[in-house]
């Protein structure tokens, strides 16, 4: 049985809480990672998920990039476009991680984001302290602040798609029983 990401509350200890006031959109998904060791970082989990991005998500990103070009927005590339040979420990704030820029990085939380003229998006990948029985869980919180009418229009189709994409990608933090550690 495959572990699934579930809609959850934003972790109270997450630094992304400071970005919630005034947000146009936010959500959080959490996944329990059976057999995980506490040695993996939050960014490591995210890199694992991006490296195994479902093909349908990359197809949607390609369609998004073609469509937004007409509105003068930037082509973000594919969600899983990253250097698979680069370990999580080699990333520093300002580096690109897939379609996002790394804002901050600690072992238990990484903030990544993207700024455009129509909106700002920030993601938190938060590694919870191990729960009962040492069970590890990881949450991804998304916060979006819009700047104008184009941002509102952009979010109309993105919001329902995000609710499909975020848990589908997060489910991929688990590969081969935690044998892969980017």
C-alpha atoms as a PDB file:
ATOM      1  CA  UNK A   1       0.000   0.000   0.000  1.00  0.00           C
ATOM      2  CA  UNK A   2       1.396   3.365  -1.038  1.00  0.00           C
ATOM      3  CA  UNK A   3       1.629   6.116   1.571  1.00  0.00           C
ATOM      4  CA  UNK A   4      -0.399   9.161   0.567  1.00  0.00           C
ATOM      5  CA  UNK A   5      -0.047  12.843   1.331  1.00  0.00           C
ATOM      6  CA  UNK A   6      -2.966  14.284   3.282  1.00  0.00           C
ATOM      7  CA  UNK A   7      -4.287  17.818   3.633  1.00  0.00           C
ATOM      8  CA  UNK A   8      -3.142  19.155   7.003  1.00  0.00           C
ATOM      9  CA  UNK A   9      -2.596  22.255   9.100  1.00  0.00           C
ATOM     10  CA  UNK A  10       0.523  24.357   8.602  1.00  0.00           C
ATOM     11  CA  UNK A  11       3.112  23.112  11.127  1.00  0.00           C
ATOM     12  CA  UNK A  12       3.100  25.542  14.080  1.00  0.00           C
ATOM     13  CA  UNK A  13       6.917  25.539  14.245  1.00  0.00           C
ATOM     14  CA  UNK A  14       7.371  26.366  10.556  1.00  0.00           C
ATOM     15  CA  UNK A  15       8.880  29.722   9.581  1.00  0.00           C
ATOM     16  CA  UNK A  16       6.372  29.953   6.715  1.00  0.00           C
ATOM     17  CA  UNK A  17       3.718  30.913   9.264  1.00  0.00           C
ATOM     18  CA  UNK A  18       5.087  34.474   9.083  1.00  0.00           C
ATOM     19  CA  UNK A  19       4.096  34.554   5.382  1.00  0.00           C
ATOM     20  CA  UNK A  20       0.467  33.507   5.906  1.00  0.00           C
ATOM     21  CA  UNK A  21      -1.076  36.942   6.726  1.00  0.00           C
ATOM     22  CA  UNK A  22      -2.659  38.431   3.607  1.00  0.00           C
ATOM     23  CA  UNK A  23      -2.105  35.321   1.484  1.00  0.00           C
ATOM     24  CA  UNK A  24      -4.482  34.833  -1.416  1.00  0.00           C
ATOM     25  CA  UNK A  25      -3.949  31.069  -1.240  1.00  0.00           C
ATOM     26  CA  UNK A  26      -2.282  28.600   1.076  1.00  0.00           C
ATOM     27  CA  UNK A  27      -2.402  24.894   1.754  1.00  0.00           C
ATOM     28  CA  UNK A  28      -0.350  22.214   3.442  1.00  0.00           C
ATOM     29  CA  UNK A  29       0.068  18.503   2.769  1.00  0.00           C
ATOM     30  CA  UNK A  30       1.792  16.020   5.052  1.00  0.00           C
ATOM     31  CA  UNK A  31       3.113  12.550   4.393  1.00  0.00           C
ATOM     32  CA  UNK A  32       4.319   9.922   6.855  1.00  0.00           C
ATOM     33  CA  UNK A  33       7.583   8.317   5.770  1.00  0.00           C
ATOM     34  CA  UNK A  34       7.804   4.730   7.046  1.00  0.00           C
ATOM     35  CA  UNK A  35      11.293   3.472   7.803  1.00  0.00           C
ATOM     36  CA  UNK A  36      12.868   6.920   7.430  1.00  0.00           C
ATOM     37  CA  UNK A  37      16.001   7.828   9.281  1.00  0.00           C
ATOM     38  CA  UNK A  38      16.295  11.192  10.970  1.00  0.00           C
ATOM     39  CA  UNK A  39      19.490  11.909   9.011  1.00  0.00           C
ATOM     40  CA  UNK A  40      17.722  13.138   5.873  1.00  0.00           C
ATOM     41  CA  UNK A  41      17.153  16.871   5.520  1.00  0.00           C
ATOM     42  CA  UNK A  42      13.946  18.584   4.492  1.00  0.00           C
ATOM     43  CA  UNK A  43      15.557  19.635   1.212  1.00  0.00           C
ATOM     44  CA  UNK A  44      16.690  16.059   0.583  1.00  0.00           C
ATOM     45  CA  UNK A  45      13.095  14.861   0.785  1.00  0.00           C
ATOM     46  CA  UNK A  46      12.018  17.588  -1.646  1.00  0.00           C
ATOM     47  CA  UNK A  47      14.790  16.735  -4.125  1.00  0.00           C
ATOM     48  CA  UNK A  48      13.727  13.079  -4.032  1.00  0.00           C
ATOM     49  CA  UNK A  49      10.147  14.092  -4.800  1.00  0.00           C
ATOM     50  CA  UNK A  50      11.168  16.416  -7.658  1.00  0.00           C
ATOM     51  CA  UNK A  51      13.463  13.795  -9.183  1.00  0.00           C
ATOM     52  CA  UNK A  52      10.444  11.489  -9.478  1.00  0.00           C
ATOM     53  CA  UNK A  53       7.890  14.079 -10.614  1.00  0.00           C
ATOM     54  CA  UNK A  54       4.946  12.301 -12.263  1.00  0.00           C
ATOM     55  CA  UNK A  55       5.038  12.715 -16.071  1.00  0.00           C
ATOM     56  CA  UNK A  56       1.533  14.203 -16.125  1.00  0.00           C
ATOM     57  CA  UNK A  57       2.764  17.035 -13.864  1.00  0.00           C
ATOM     58  CA  UNK A  58       5.605  17.855 -16.257  1.00  0.00           C
ATOM     59  CA  UNK A  59       3.102  17.815 -19.148  1.00  0.00           C
ATOM     60  CA  UNK A  60       0.941  20.332 -17.287  1.00  0.00           C
ATOM     61  CA  UNK A  61       4.021  22.507 -16.629  1.00  0.00           C
ATOM     62  CA  UNK A  62       4.901  22.439 -20.345  1.00  0.00           C
ATOM     63  CA  UNK A  63       1.333  23.504 -21.206  1.00  0.00           C
ATOM     64  CA  UNK A  64       1.471  26.234 -18.549  1.00  0.00           C
ATOM     65  CA  UNK A  65       4.738  27.567 -19.946  1.00  0.00           C
ATOM     66  CA  UNK A  66       3.318  27.769 -23.492  1.00  0.00           C
ATOM     67  CA  UNK A  67       0.150  29.531 -22.366  1.00  0.00           C
ATOM     68  CA  UNK A  68       1.669  32.152 -20.037  1.00  0.00           C
ATOM     69  CA  UNK A  69       4.174  33.276 -22.641  1.00  0.00           C
ATOM     70  CA  UNK A  70       1.321  35.215 -24.298  1.00  0.00           C
ATOM     71  CA  UNK A  71       0.707  37.151 -21.076  1.00  0.00           C
ATOM     72  CA  UNK A  72       4.382  38.077 -20.771  1.00  0.00           C
ATOM     73  CA  UNK A  73       5.063  35.728 -17.851  1.00  0.00           C
ATOM     74  CA  UNK A  74       8.212  33.681 -17.514  1.00  0.00           C
ATOM     75  CA  UNK A  75       8.717  30.107 -18.609  1.00  0.00           C
ATOM     76  CA  UNK A  76       9.569  28.212 -15.431  1.00  0.00           C
ATOM     77  CA  UNK A  77      10.667  24.995 -17.110  1.00  0.00           C
ATOM     78  CA  UNK A  78       9.734  21.617 -15.678  1.00  0.00           C
ATOM     79  CA  UNK A  79       9.134  20.947 -12.002  1.00  0.00           C
ATOM     80  CA  UNK A  80      11.647  18.096 -11.968  1.00  0.00           C
ATOM     81  CA  UNK A  81      14.375  19.828 -13.973  1.00  0.00           C
ATOM     82  CA  UNK A  82      17.319  19.701 -11.602  1.00  0.00           C
ATOM     83  CA  UNK A  83      20.853  18.368 -11.406  1.00  0.00           C
ATOM     84  CA  UNK A  84      20.373  14.848 -10.037  1.00  0.00           C
ATOM     85  CA  UNK A  85      24.070  14.549  -9.199  1.00  0.00           C
ATOM     86  CA  UNK A  86      23.976  17.576  -6.868  1.00  0.00           C
ATOM     87  CA  UNK A  87      23.355  16.539  -3.232  1.00  0.00           C
ATOM     88  CA  UNK A  88      21.032  18.538  -0.960  1.00  0.00           C
ATOM     89  CA  UNK A  89      24.058  19.667   1.074  1.00  0.00           C
ATOM     90  CA  UNK A  90      25.484  21.483  -1.975  1.00  0.00           C
ATOM     91  CA  UNK A  91      22.529  23.876  -2.322  1.00  0.00           C
ATOM     92  CA  UNK A  92      22.790  27.399  -0.918  1.00  0.00           C
ATOM     93  CA  UNK A  93      20.264  30.241  -0.724  1.00  0.00           C
ATOM     94  CA  UNK A  94      19.878  31.803  -4.160  1.00  0.00           C
ATOM     95  CA  UNK A  95      20.364  28.493  -6.017  1.00  0.00           C
ATOM     96  CA  UNK A  96      17.670  27.230  -8.358  1.00  0.00           C
ATOM     97  CA  UNK A  97      15.943  24.017  -7.252  1.00  0.00           C
ATOM     98  CA  UNK A  98      13.698  22.941 -10.119  1.00  0.00           C
ATOM     99  CA  UNK A  99      11.369  25.871 -10.821  1.00  0.00           C
ATOM    100  CA  UNK A 100      12.071  27.558  -7.480  1.00  0.00           C
ATOM    101  CA  UNK A 101      14.861  29.560  -5.854  1.00  0.00           C
ATOM    102  CA  UNK A 102      16.144  28.398  -2.478  1.00  0.00           C
ATOM    103  CA  UNK A 103      15.396  31.114   0.089  1.00  0.00           C
ATOM    104  CA  UNK A 104      16.654  29.420   3.248  1.00  0.00           C
ATOM    105  CA  UNK A 105      17.760  25.944   4.225  1.00  0.00           C
ATOM    106  CA  UNK A 106      18.092  24.220   7.583  1.00  0.00           C
ATOM    107  CA  UNK A 107      18.081  20.474   8.232  1.00  0.00           C
ATOM    108  CA  UNK A 108      14.413  20.617   9.280  1.00  0.00           C
ATOM    109  CA  UNK A 109      13.011  23.223   6.874  1.00  0.00           C
ATOM    110  CA  UNK A 110      13.725  24.590   3.439  1.00  0.00           C
ATOM    111  CA  UNK A 111      11.960  27.638   1.986  1.00  0.00           C
ATOM    112  CA  UNK A 112      11.820  27.967  -1.769  1.00  0.00           C
ATOM    113  CA  UNK A 113      10.016  30.514  -3.870  1.00  0.00           C
ATOM    114  CA  UNK A 114       9.427  32.353  -7.067  1.00  0.00           C
ATOM    115  CA  UNK A 115       8.660  36.021  -7.640  1.00  0.00           C
ATOM    116  CA  UNK A 116       6.881  37.307 -10.731  1.00  0.00           C
ATOM    117  CA  UNK A 117       5.069  40.505 -11.569  1.00  0.00           C
ATOM    118  CA  UNK A 118       1.694  38.859 -10.941  1.00  0.00           C
ATOM    119  CA  UNK A 119       2.382  36.841  -7.770  1.00  0.00           C
ATOM    120  CA  UNK A 120       4.845  35.528  -5.225  1.00  0.00           C
ATOM    121  CA  UNK A 121       4.844  31.877  -4.217  1.00  0.00           C
ATOM    122  CA  UNK A 122       6.780  30.387  -1.304  1.00  0.00           C
ATOM    123  CA  UNK A 123       7.000  26.720  -0.355  1.00  0.00           C
ATOM    124  CA  UNK A 124       8.099  25.275   2.945  1.00  0.00           C
ATOM    125  CA  UNK A 125       9.353  21.718   3.128  1.00  0.00           C
ATOM    126  CA  UNK A 126       9.177  20.956   6.837  1.00  0.00           C
ATOM    127  CA  UNK A 127      10.584  17.827   8.473  1.00  0.00           C
ATOM    128  CA  UNK A 128       8.656  17.234  11.684  1.00  0.00           C
ATOM    129  CA  UNK A 129      10.381  15.886  14.782  1.00  0.00           C
ATOM    130  CA  UNK A 130       9.980  12.092  14.756  1.00  0.00           C
ATOM    131  CA  UNK A 131       6.633  11.003  16.174  1.00  0.00           C
ATOM    132  CA  UNK A 132       5.657   8.002  18.241  1.00  0.00           C
ATOM    133  CA  UNK A 133       7.683   4.973  17.283  1.00  0.00           C
ATOM    134  CA  UNK A 134      10.163   7.206  15.453  1.00  0.00           C
ATOM    135  CA  UNK A 135       7.789   7.757  12.509  1.00  0.00           C
ATOM    136  CA  UNK A 136       8.998  10.644  10.355  1.00  0.00           C
ATOM    137  CA  UNK A 137       6.587  13.021   8.605  1.00  0.00           C
ATOM    138  CA  UNK A 138       7.212  15.761   6.074  1.00  0.00           C
ATOM    139  CA  UNK A 139       4.916  18.680   5.204  1.00  0.00           C
ATOM    140  CA  UNK A 140       4.887  20.937   2.174  1.00  0.00           C
ATOM    141  CA  UNK A 141       3.131  24.257   2.651  1.00  0.00           C
ATOM    142  CA  UNK A 142       2.420  26.593  -0.249  1.00  0.00           C
ATOM    143  CA  UNK A 143       1.690  30.300   0.252  1.00  0.00           C
ATOM    144  CA  UNK A 144       0.722  32.608  -2.620  1.00  0.00           C
ATOM    145  CA  UNK A 145       0.440  36.393  -2.536  1.00  0.00           C
ATOM    146  CA  UNK A 146      -1.004  37.984  -5.650  1.00  0.00           C
ATOM    147  CA  UNK A 147      -0.101  41.451  -6.916  1.00  0.00           C
ATOM    148  CA  UNK A 148      -2.714  42.234  -9.546  1.00  0.00           C
ATOM    149  CA  UNK A 149      -5.644  41.097 -11.675  1.00  0.00           C
ATOM    150  CA  UNK A 150      -3.361  38.848 -13.729  1.00  0.00           C
ATOM    151  CA  UNK A 151      -2.393  37.038 -10.525  1.00  0.00           C
ATOM    152  CA  UNK A 152      -6.070  36.421  -9.734  1.00  0.00           C
ATOM    153  CA  UNK A 153      -6.737  35.141 -13.239  1.00  0.00           C
ATOM    154  CA  UNK A 154      -3.646  32.935 -13.126  1.00  0.00           C
ATOM    155  CA  UNK A 155      -4.778  31.336  -9.868  1.00  0.00           C
ATOM    156  CA  UNK A 156      -8.238  30.384 -11.225  1.00  0.00           C
ATOM    157  CA  UNK A 157      -6.991  27.263 -13.043  1.00  0.00           C
ATOM    158  CA  UNK A 158      -3.881  26.822 -10.880  1.00  0.00           C
ATOM    159  CA  UNK A 159      -5.706  26.423  -7.548  1.00  0.00           C
ATOM    160  CA  UNK A 160      -7.618  23.214  -8.408  1.00  0.00           C
ATOM    161  CA  UNK A 161      -4.607  21.807 -10.290  1.00  0.00           C
ATOM    162  CA  UNK A 162      -2.320  22.562  -7.360  1.00  0.00           C
ATOM    163  CA  UNK A 163      -4.599  20.507  -5.115  1.00  0.00           C
ATOM    164  CA  UNK A 164      -3.889  17.530  -7.374  1.00  0.00           C
ATOM    165  CA  UNK A 165      -0.206  18.218  -8.066  1.00  0.00           C
ATOM    166  CA  UNK A 166       1.081  18.978  -4.537  1.00  0.00           C
ATOM    167  CA  UNK A 167       0.009  15.695  -2.910  1.00  0.00           C
ATOM    168  CA  UNK A 168       0.974  13.685  -6.017  1.00  0.00           C
ATOM    169  CA  UNK A 169       4.514  15.087  -5.975  1.00  0.00           C
ATOM    170  CA  UNK A 170       4.859  14.836  -2.183  1.00  0.00           C
ATOM    171  CA  UNK A 171       3.947  11.155  -2.345  1.00  0.00           C
ATOM    172  CA  UNK A 172       7.227  10.673  -4.212  1.00  0.00           C
ATOM    173  CA  UNK A 173       9.426  11.553  -1.214  1.00  0.00           C
ATOM    174  CA  UNK A 174       9.478   7.796  -0.609  1.00  0.00           C
ATOM    175  CA  UNK A 175      11.543   5.746  -3.047  1.00  0.00           C
ATOM    176  CA  UNK A 176      12.477   2.100  -2.548  1.00  0.00           C
ATOM    177  CA  UNK A 177      11.883   2.181   1.186  1.00  0.00           C
ATOM    178  CA  UNK A 178      14.150   5.180   1.697  1.00  0.00           C
ATOM    179  CA  UNK A 179      17.157   3.707  -0.098  1.00  0.00           C
ATOM    180  CA  UNK A 180      17.623   6.779  -2.304  1.00  0.00           C
ATOM    181  CA  UNK A 181      19.062   9.832  -0.588  1.00  0.00           C
ATOM    182  CA  UNK A 182      19.683  12.820  -2.875  1.00  0.00           C
END
